[in-house]
C-alpha atoms as a PDB file:
ATOM      1  CA  MET A   1     118.854 131.268  74.133  1.00  0.00           C
ATOM      2  CA  GLY A   2     116.097 131.193  71.527  1.00  0.00           C
ATOM      3  CA  PHE A   3     116.398 132.423  67.958  1.00  0.00           C
ATOM      4  CA  ARG A   4     119.412 134.068  66.364  1.00  0.00           C
ATOM      5  CA  VAL A   5     119.095 136.273  63.289  1.00  0.00           C
ATOM      6  CA  GLU A   6     121.858 136.804  60.726  1.00  0.00           C
ATOM      7  CA  GLY A   7     121.159 139.462  58.099  1.00  0.00           C
ATOM      8  CA  GLY A   8     122.145 139.931  54.473  1.00  0.00           C
ATOM      9  CA  ALA A   9     120.471 139.254  51.130  1.00  0.00           C
ATOM     10  CA  VAL A  10     120.347 135.593  52.164  1.00  0.00           C
ATOM     11  CA  ALA A  11     119.448 135.935  55.833  1.00  0.00           C
ATOM     12  CA  ARG A  12     119.371 133.186  58.441  1.00  0.00           C
ATOM     13  CA  LEU A  13     116.975 132.491  61.268  1.00  0.00           C
ATOM     14  CA  VAL A  14     118.693 130.025  63.588  1.00  0.00           C
ATOM     15  CA  ILE A  15     116.944 128.016  66.317  1.00  0.00           C
ATOM     16  CA  ASP A  16     119.571 128.263  69.021  1.00  0.00           C
ATOM     17  CA  ARG A  17     118.873 126.139  72.093  1.00  0.00           C
ATOM     18  CA  VAL A  18     121.432 123.417  71.581  1.00  0.00           C
ATOM     19  CA  ALA A  19     121.369 122.036  75.137  1.00  0.00           C
ATOM     20  CA  LYS A  20     117.706 121.048  74.603  1.00  0.00           C
ATOM     21  CA  ARG A  21     118.121 119.913  70.982  1.00  0.00           C
ATOM     22  CA  ASN A  22     116.533 123.238  69.982  1.00  0.00           C
ATOM     23  CA  ALA A  23     113.242 122.411  71.699  1.00  0.00           C
ATOM     24  CA  LEU A  24     110.789 125.290  71.268  1.00  0.00           C
ATOM     25  CA  THR A  25     109.376 127.122  74.274  1.00  0.00           C
ATOM     26  CA  ARG A  26     106.219 129.216  74.442  1.00  0.00           C
ATOM     27  CA  ALA A  27     108.399 132.335  74.648  1.00  0.00           C
ATOM     28  CA  MET A  28     110.124 131.314  71.422  1.00  0.00           C
ATOM     29  CA  TRP A  29     106.812 130.825  69.617  1.00  0.00           C
ATOM     30  CA  GLN A  30     105.720 134.239  70.903  1.00  0.00           C
ATOM     31  CA  GLU A  31     108.938 135.858  69.686  1.00  0.00           C
ATOM     32  CA  LEU A  32     108.880 134.429  66.174  1.00  0.00           C
ATOM     33  CA  PRO A  33     106.255 136.719  64.536  1.00  0.00           C
ATOM     34  CA  SER A  34     108.098 139.896  65.549  1.00  0.00           C
ATOM     35  CA  LEU A  35     111.426 138.535  64.303  1.00  0.00           C
ATOM     36  CA  LEU A  36     109.840 137.632  60.983  1.00  0.00           C
ATOM     37  CA  GLY A  37     108.214 141.058  60.790  1.00  0.00           C
ATOM     38  CA  GLU A  38     111.610 142.735  61.125  1.00  0.00           C
ATOM     39  CA  LEU A  39     113.111 140.519  58.424  1.00  0.00           C
ATOM     40  CA  ALA A  40     110.135 141.132  56.113  1.00  0.00           C
ATOM     41  CA  ALA A  41     110.602 144.897  56.480  1.00  0.00           C
ATOM     42  CA  ASP A  42     114.332 144.719  55.699  1.00  0.00           C
ATOM     43  CA  ASP A  43     114.693 145.492  51.983  1.00  0.00           C
ATOM     44  CA  GLU A  44     118.161 143.927  51.934  1.00  0.00           C
ATOM     45  CA  VAL A  45     116.728 140.486  52.751  1.00  0.00           C
ATOM     46  CA  LYS A  46     115.679 138.554  49.661  1.00  0.00           C
ATOM     47  CA  VAL A  47     115.676 134.940  50.941  1.00  0.00           C
ATOM     48  CA  LEU A  48     115.436 133.496  54.462  1.00  0.00           C
ATOM     49  CA  LEU A  49     117.162 130.260  55.475  1.00  0.00           C
ATOM     50  CA  VAL A  50     115.735 128.673  58.630  1.00  0.00           C
ATOM     51  CA  THR A  51     117.957 126.188  60.436  1.00  0.00           C
ATOM     52  CA  GLY A  52     118.965 124.818  63.822  1.00  0.00           C
ATOM     53  CA  GLU A  53     122.200 125.320  65.711  1.00  0.00           C
ATOM     54  CA  GLY A  54     124.178 122.129  66.291  1.00  0.00           C
ATOM     55  CA  PRO A  55     123.262 118.604  65.208  1.00  0.00           C
ATOM     56  CA  SER A  56     119.449 118.982  65.312  1.00  0.00           C
ATOM     57  CA  PHE A  57     116.963 121.231  63.560  1.00  0.00           C
ATOM     58  CA  SER A  58     114.487 120.981  66.452  1.00  0.00           C
ATOM     59  CA  ALA A  59     113.266 118.105  68.591  1.00  0.00           C
ATOM     60  CA  GLY A  60     109.885 119.809  68.970  1.00  0.00           C
ATOM     61  CA  ALA A  61     108.062 121.580  71.777  1.00  0.00           C
ATOM     62  CA  ASP A  62     109.545 121.781  75.245  1.00  0.00           C
ATOM     63  CA  ILE A  63     107.578 118.915  76.790  1.00  0.00           C
ATOM     64  CA  ARG A  64     107.555 120.518  80.244  1.00  0.00           C
ATOM     65  CA  GLU A  65     105.414 123.386  78.969  1.00  0.00           C
ATOM     66  CA  LEU A  66     102.674 121.338  77.336  1.00  0.00           C
ATOM     67  CA  ILE A  67     100.368 121.349  80.364  1.00  0.00           C
ATOM     68  CA  SER A  68     101.743 124.334  82.266  1.00  0.00           C
ATOM     69  CA  GLY A  69      99.039 126.838  81.332  1.00  0.00           C
ATOM     70  CA  ALA A  70      96.801 128.621  83.837  1.00  0.00           C
ATOM     71  CA  ASP A  71      93.502 127.058  82.676  1.00  0.00           C
ATOM     72  CA  PRO A  72      93.176 123.537  84.161  1.00  0.00           C
ATOM     73  CA  GLU A  73      90.560 122.641  81.539  1.00  0.00           C
ATOM     74  CA  ASP A  74      92.836 123.693  78.675  1.00  0.00           C
ATOM     75  CA  PRO A  75      96.410 124.008  79.956  1.00  0.00           C
ATOM     76  CA  MET A  76      97.766 124.170  76.375  1.00  0.00           C
ATOM     77  CA  ALA A  77      95.623 127.162  75.332  1.00  0.00           C
ATOM     78  CA  GLU A  78      98.321 129.864  75.527  1.00  0.00           C
ATOM     79  CA  LEU A  79     100.972 127.628  73.970  1.00  0.00           C
ATOM     80  CA  ARG A  80      98.623 126.587  71.156  1.00  0.00           C
ATOM     81  CA  ALA A  81      97.691 130.186  70.361  1.00  0.00           C
ATOM     82  CA  ALA A  82     101.341 131.282  70.250  1.00  0.00           C
ATOM     83  CA  ASN A  83     102.253 128.263  68.141  1.00  0.00           C
ATOM     84  CA  LEU A  84      99.533 128.904  65.546  1.00  0.00           C
ATOM     85  CA  ARG A  85     100.382 132.622  65.308  1.00  0.00           C
ATOM     86  CA  ALA A  86     104.027 131.759  64.708  1.00  0.00           C
ATOM     87  CA  GLN A  87     103.181 129.181  62.051  1.00  0.00           C
ATOM     88  CA  ALA A  88     100.958 131.695  60.246  1.00  0.00           C
ATOM     89  CA  ALA A  89     103.660 134.370  60.389  1.00  0.00           C
ATOM     90  CA  LEU A  90     106.190 132.008  58.810  1.00  0.00           C
ATOM     91  CA  ARG A  91     103.736 130.770  56.180  1.00  0.00           C
ATOM     92  CA  GLU A  92     102.798 134.358  55.234  1.00  0.00           C
ATOM     93  CA  PHE A  93     106.380 135.679  55.228  1.00  0.00           C
ATOM     94  CA  PRO A  94     106.526 137.523  51.883  1.00  0.00           C
ATOM     95  CA  LYS A  95     109.963 136.320  50.768  1.00  0.00           C
ATOM     96  CA  PRO A  96     111.169 132.792  49.912  1.00  0.00           C
ATOM     97  CA  THR A  97     111.969 130.608  52.917  1.00  0.00           C
ATOM     98  CA  VAL A  98     114.087 127.452  52.985  1.00  0.00           C
ATOM     99  CA  ALA A  99     114.288 125.136  55.983  1.00  0.00           C
ATOM    100  CA  VAL A 100     117.772 123.602  56.187  1.00  0.00           C
ATOM    101  CA  VAL A 101     117.445 120.462  58.271  1.00  0.00           C
ATOM    102  CA  ARG A 102     120.017 118.339  60.047  1.00  0.00           C
ATOM    103  CA  GLY A 103     119.219 115.675  62.618  1.00  0.00           C
ATOM    104  CA  HIS A 104     115.834 115.686  64.332  1.00  0.00           C
ATOM    105  CA  CYS A 105     112.944 117.660  62.848  1.00  0.00           C
ATOM    106  CA  ILE A 106     110.046 116.597  65.023  1.00  0.00           C
ATOM    107  CA  GLY A 107     106.730 118.031  66.221  1.00  0.00           C
ATOM    108  CA  GLY A 108     107.110 121.797  66.502  1.00  0.00           C
ATOM    109  CA  GLY A 109     110.308 121.571  64.480  1.00  0.00           C
ATOM    110  CA  LEU A 110     108.396 119.944  61.649  1.00  0.00           C
ATOM    111  CA  GLU A 111     105.736 122.653  61.957  1.00  0.00           C
ATOM    112  CA  ILE A 112     108.412 125.260  61.300  1.00  0.00           C
ATOM    113  CA  ALA A 113     109.842 123.278  58.381  1.00  0.00           C
ATOM    114  CA  VAL A 114     106.534 122.639  56.608  1.00  0.00           C
ATOM    115  CA  ASN A 115     105.555 126.302  56.870  1.00  0.00           C
ATOM    116  CA  CYS A 116     108.678 127.215  54.896  1.00  0.00           C
ATOM    117  CA  ASP A 117     108.495 127.229  51.104  1.00  0.00           C
ATOM    118  CA  PHE A 118     111.211 124.569  50.702  1.00  0.00           C
ATOM    119  CA  ARG A 119     112.988 121.947  52.785  1.00  0.00           C
ATOM    120  CA  PHE A 120     116.602 120.890  52.174  1.00  0.00           C
ATOM    121  CA  ALA A 121     117.770 118.015  54.362  1.00  0.00           C
ATOM    122  CA  ALA A 122     120.968 116.268  55.376  1.00  0.00           C
ATOM    123  CA  ARG A 123     121.101 112.535  54.887  1.00  0.00           C
ATOM    124  CA  ASP A 124     120.942 111.985  58.648  1.00  0.00           C
ATOM    125  CA  ALA A 125     117.769 114.053  59.070  1.00  0.00           C
ATOM    126  CA  SER A 126     114.610 112.480  60.484  1.00  0.00           C
ATOM    127  CA  PHE A 127     111.062 113.821  60.384  1.00  0.00           C
ATOM    128  CA  GLY A 128     107.980 113.100  62.450  1.00  0.00           C
ATOM    129  CA  VAL A 129     104.914 114.332  64.312  1.00  0.00           C
ATOM    130  CA  THR A 130     104.455 112.583  67.636  1.00  0.00           C
ATOM    131  CA  PRO A 131     101.155 113.718  69.295  1.00  0.00           C
ATOM    132  CA  ALA A 132      99.812 110.157  69.323  1.00  0.00           C
ATOM    133  CA  ARG A 133     102.680 109.140  71.610  1.00  0.00           C
ATOM    134  CA  ILE A 134     101.597 111.510  74.382  1.00  0.00           C
ATOM    135  CA  GLY A 135      97.899 112.181  73.748  1.00  0.00           C
ATOM    136  CA  VAL A 136      98.041 115.651  72.174  1.00  0.00           C
ATOM    137  CA  VAL A 137      95.218 116.605  69.802  1.00  0.00           C
ATOM    138  CA  TYR A 138      96.696 118.421  66.818  1.00  0.00           C
ATOM    139  CA  PRO A 139      94.806 121.602  65.758  1.00  0.00           C
ATOM    140  CA  PRO A 140      93.226 121.516  62.274  1.00  0.00           C
ATOM    141  CA  ALA A 141      95.168 124.586  61.105  1.00  0.00           C
ATOM    142  CA  ALA A 142      98.452 122.753  61.674  1.00  0.00           C
ATOM    143  CA  ILE A 143      97.119 119.584  60.032  1.00  0.00           C
ATOM    144  CA  LYS A 144      96.012 121.498  56.916  1.00  0.00           C
ATOM    145  CA  VAL A 145      99.545 122.717  56.182  1.00  0.00           C
ATOM    146  CA  LEU A 146     100.832 119.142  56.285  1.00  0.00           C
ATOM    147  CA  LEU A 147      97.832 117.906  54.286  1.00  0.00           C
ATOM    148  CA  ASP A 148      98.395 120.467  51.523  1.00  0.00           C
ATOM    149  CA  LEU A 149     102.042 119.444  51.316  1.00  0.00           C
ATOM    150  CA  VAL A 150     101.985 115.640  51.415  1.00  0.00           C
ATOM    151  CA  GLY A 151      98.340 114.576  51.021  1.00  0.00           C
ATOM    152  CA  PRO A 152      95.969 112.653  53.298  1.00  0.00           C
ATOM    153  CA  ALA A 153      97.713 109.273  53.442  1.00  0.00           C
ATOM    154  CA  THR A 154     101.105 110.561  54.583  1.00  0.00           C
ATOM    155  CA  THR A 155      99.473 113.080  56.936  1.00  0.00           C
ATOM    156  CA  LYS A 156      97.501 110.276  58.580  1.00  0.00           C
ATOM    157  CA  TYR A 157     100.555 108.024  58.705  1.00  0.00           C
ATOM    158  CA  LEU A 158     102.590 110.645  60.530  1.00  0.00           C
ATOM    159  CA  LEU A 159      99.825 111.671  62.935  1.00  0.00           C
ATOM    160  CA  PHE A 160      98.483 108.185  63.656  1.00  0.00           C
ATOM    161  CA  SER A 161     101.803 106.389  64.129  1.00  0.00           C
ATOM    162  CA  GLY A 162     104.176 109.003  65.495  1.00  0.00           C
ATOM    163  CA  ASP A 163     106.894 107.172  63.553  1.00  0.00           C
ATOM    164  CA  LEU A 164     109.873 109.008  62.090  1.00  0.00           C
ATOM    165  CA  LEU A 165     110.759 109.186  58.403  1.00  0.00           C
ATOM    166  CA  THR A 166     114.336 109.173  57.134  1.00  0.00           C
ATOM    167  CA  ALA A 167     115.408 111.977  54.820  1.00  0.00           C
ATOM    168  CA  ASP A 168     115.110 109.703  51.793  1.00  0.00           C
ATOM    169  CA  GLU A 169     111.633 108.538  52.866  1.00  0.00           C
ATOM    170  CA  ALA A 170     110.575 112.133  53.445  1.00  0.00           C
ATOM    171  CA  GLU A 171     111.830 113.136  50.010  1.00  0.00           C
ATOM    172  CA  GLY A 172     109.915 110.257  48.431  1.00  0.00           C
ATOM    173  CA  LYS A 173     106.691 111.466  50.061  1.00  0.00           C
ATOM    174  CA  GLY A 174     107.199 115.104  49.039  1.00  0.00           C
ATOM    175  CA  LEU A 175     107.966 116.300  52.551  1.00  0.00           C
ATOM    176  CA  VAL A 176     111.549 117.205  51.572  1.00  0.00           C
ATOM    177  CA  ASP A 177     112.573 118.945  48.339  1.00  0.00           C
ATOM    178  CA  ARG A 178     116.252 117.999  48.314  1.00  0.00           C
ATOM    179  CA  VAL A 179     118.543 115.658  50.250  1.00  0.00           C
ATOM    180  CA  ALA A 180     122.228 116.597  50.195  1.00  0.00           C
ATOM    181  CA  ASP A 181     125.495 115.822  51.954  1.00  0.00           C
ATOM    182  CA  ASP A 182     125.745 119.549  52.738  1.00  0.00           C
ATOM    183  CA  PRO A 183     122.195 120.928  52.758  1.00  0.00           C
ATOM    184  CA  MET A 184     123.306 124.423  53.782  1.00  0.00           C
ATOM    185  CA  ALA A 185     125.605 124.719  50.769  1.00  0.00           C
ATOM    186  CA  ALA A 186     122.812 123.445  48.517  1.00  0.00           C
ATOM    187  CA  ALA A 187     120.366 125.907  50.058  1.00  0.00           C
ATOM    188  CA  GLU A 188     122.795 128.807  49.650  1.00  0.00           C
ATOM    189  CA  THR A 189     123.304 127.962  45.967  1.00  0.00           C
ATOM    190  CA  PHE A 190     119.533 127.824  45.466  1.00  0.00           C
ATOM    191  CA  ALA A 191     119.088 131.073  47.409  1.00  0.00           C
ATOM    192  CA  ALA A 192     121.648 132.815  45.196  1.00  0.00           C
ATOM    193  CA  THR A 193     119.541 131.821  42.179  1.00  0.00           C
ATOM    194  CA  LEU A 194     116.423 133.283  43.799  1.00  0.00           C
ATOM    195  CA  VAL A 195     118.241 136.529  44.626  1.00  0.00           C
ATOM    196  CA  SER A 196     119.103 136.929  40.934  1.00  0.00           C
ATOM    197  CA  ARG A 197     115.463 136.610  39.835  1.00  0.00           C
ATOM    198  CA  SER A 198     112.684 139.210  39.708  1.00  0.00           C
ATOM    199  CA  GLN A 199     111.592 139.761  43.304  1.00  0.00           C
ATOM    200  CA  LEU A 200     108.216 141.043  42.089  1.00  0.00           C
ATOM    201  CA  THR A 201     107.611 137.807  40.201  1.00  0.00           C
ATOM    202  CA  ILE A 202     108.593 135.729  43.232  1.00  0.00           C
ATOM    203  CA  ARG A 203     106.446 137.827  45.579  1.00  0.00           C
ATOM    204  CA  SER A 204     103.465 137.522  43.252  1.00  0.00           C
ATOM    205  CA  ALA A 205     103.873 133.770  42.867  1.00  0.00           C
ATOM    206  CA  LYS A 206     104.053 133.213  46.635  1.00  0.00           C
ATOM    207  CA  GLU A 207     101.024 135.409  47.278  1.00  0.00           C
ATOM    208  CA  SER A 208      99.032 133.596  44.576  1.00  0.00           C
ATOM    209  CA  VAL A 209      99.954 130.127  45.845  1.00  0.00           C
ATOM    210  CA  ASN A 210      98.981 131.073  49.407  1.00  0.00           C
ATOM    211  CA  ALA A 211      95.694 132.552  48.218  1.00  0.00           C
ATOM    212  CA  LEU A 212      94.872 129.473  46.143  1.00  0.00           C
ATOM    213  CA  LEU A 213      95.706 127.131  49.034  1.00  0.00           C
ATOM    214  CA  GLY A 214      93.417 129.230  51.199  1.00  0.00           C
ATOM    215  CA  GLY A 215      90.588 128.794  48.704  1.00  0.00           C
ATOM    216  CA  THR A 216      90.471 132.484  47.762  1.00  0.00           C
ATOM    217  CA  ASP A 217      90.834 132.303  43.982  1.00  0.00           C
ATOM    218  CA  ALA A 218      89.510 135.841  43.502  1.00  0.00           C
ATOM    219  CA  ASP A 219      92.237 137.182  45.785  1.00  0.00           C
ATOM    220  CA  ALA A 220      94.850 135.280  43.782  1.00  0.00           C
ATOM    221  CA  VAL A 221      93.650 136.928  40.553  1.00  0.00           C
ATOM    222  CA  ALA A 222      93.693 140.379  42.143  1.00  0.00           C
ATOM    223  CA  VAL A 223      97.204 139.819  43.493  1.00  0.00           C
ATOM    224  CA  ALA A 224      98.517 138.662  40.120  1.00  0.00           C
ATOM    225  CA  VAL A 225      97.006 141.657  38.295  1.00  0.00           C
ATOM    226  CA  ARG A 226      98.475 144.113  40.808  1.00  0.00           C
ATOM    227  CA  ARG A 227     101.940 142.561  40.644  1.00  0.00           C
ATOM    228  CA  TYR A 228     101.825 142.399  36.841  1.00  0.00           C
ATOM    229  CA  ARG A 229     101.174 146.135  36.721  1.00  0.00           C
ATOM    230  CA  GLU A 230     104.079 146.664  39.124  1.00  0.00           C
ATOM    231  CA  THR A 231     106.478 144.778  36.832  1.00  0.00           C
ATOM    232  CA  ILE A 232     105.519 147.129  34.015  1.00  0.00           C
ATOM    233  CA  ALA A 233     105.617 150.339  36.076  1.00  0.00           C
ATOM    234  CA  SER A 234     108.960 149.443  37.669  1.00  0.00           C
ATOM    235  CA  GLY A 235     110.576 148.453  34.378  1.00  0.00           C
ATOM    236  CA  GLU A 236     111.282 144.899  35.533  1.00  0.00           C
ATOM    237  CA  LEU A 237     109.372 143.281  32.681  1.00  0.00           C
ATOM    238  CA  ALA A 238     111.113 145.471  30.091  1.00  0.00           C
ATOM    239  CA  GLU A 239     114.524 144.743  31.643  1.00  0.00           C
ATOM    240  CA  GLY A 240     113.840 140.994  31.716  1.00  0.00           C
ATOM    241  CA  ILE A 241     112.849 140.920  28.047  1.00  0.00           C
ATOM    242  CA  GLU A 242     115.773 143.119  26.988  1.00  0.00           C
ATOM    243  CA  ALA A 243     118.265 140.976  28.932  1.00  0.00           C
ATOM    244  CA  PHE A 244     116.839 137.815  27.369  1.00  0.00           C
ATOM    245  CA  THR A 245     117.177 139.169  23.839  1.00  0.00           C
ATOM    246  CA  GLN A 246     120.718 140.411  24.568  1.00  0.00           C
ATOM    247  CA  LYS A 247     121.648 137.068  26.164  1.00  0.00           C
ATOM    248  CA  ARG A 248     122.768 138.611  29.441  1.00  0.00           C
ATOM    249  CA  MET A 249     121.727 138.402  33.077  1.00  0.00           C
ATOM    250  CA  PRO A 250     118.943 140.858  33.910  1.00  0.00           C
ATOM    251  CA  LYS A 251     119.601 143.669  36.369  1.00  0.00           C
ATOM    252  CA  PHE A 252     116.409 143.722  38.373  1.00  0.00           C
ATOM    253  CA  ARG A 253     115.801 146.500  40.882  1.00  0.00           C
END
């Protein structure tokens, strides 16, 4: 087992390796970009929920694979490359993504969660990055995503200590957006709201945020101008204004 995909306007990407607490193998990291590419190309999909099968989101990388590579001087090279490509593919996925977390969300599991746009967590969820426990050096690209989300102090705390945060602690530090008794139900309600909004506006906002985080302000301006013109040409802006004045829900394309 690896990932399971469920389609629809609110699609699901499920980490499905329950016997290993959804630990992520190199093959799974390698598979993720193509799965995301298929979901990105599906016009029916408006929002993607990312979750784990069973009681855990993901306990992290499959520990047996960490030093199984062919290069004795860098046995993690192939795994690291696959991991970083998968993280980038999730971060650059053009539609809204919500990680729905129950139980353990550790290491590679946390990498998946923080590369989503939002994180909804159950009260029993726990979050951590544990390289300091086993001597793994975290790549800067993975650190930057965490740094942009929670700032330097929390990033250092997680990486230095390897300690786990409770859902409430994670929410307090900005790592989690919402803690709920039923995080999937909360995520589905939120996703339904996003489906009802202008998809061009959402796409533009995500592209601009990613460009600004990447330090490419000029790209962000170009993206916003292009999307603004699309809202006019497609009639979305006119429909949104007309619906507002008529006090009805807009019917976006």
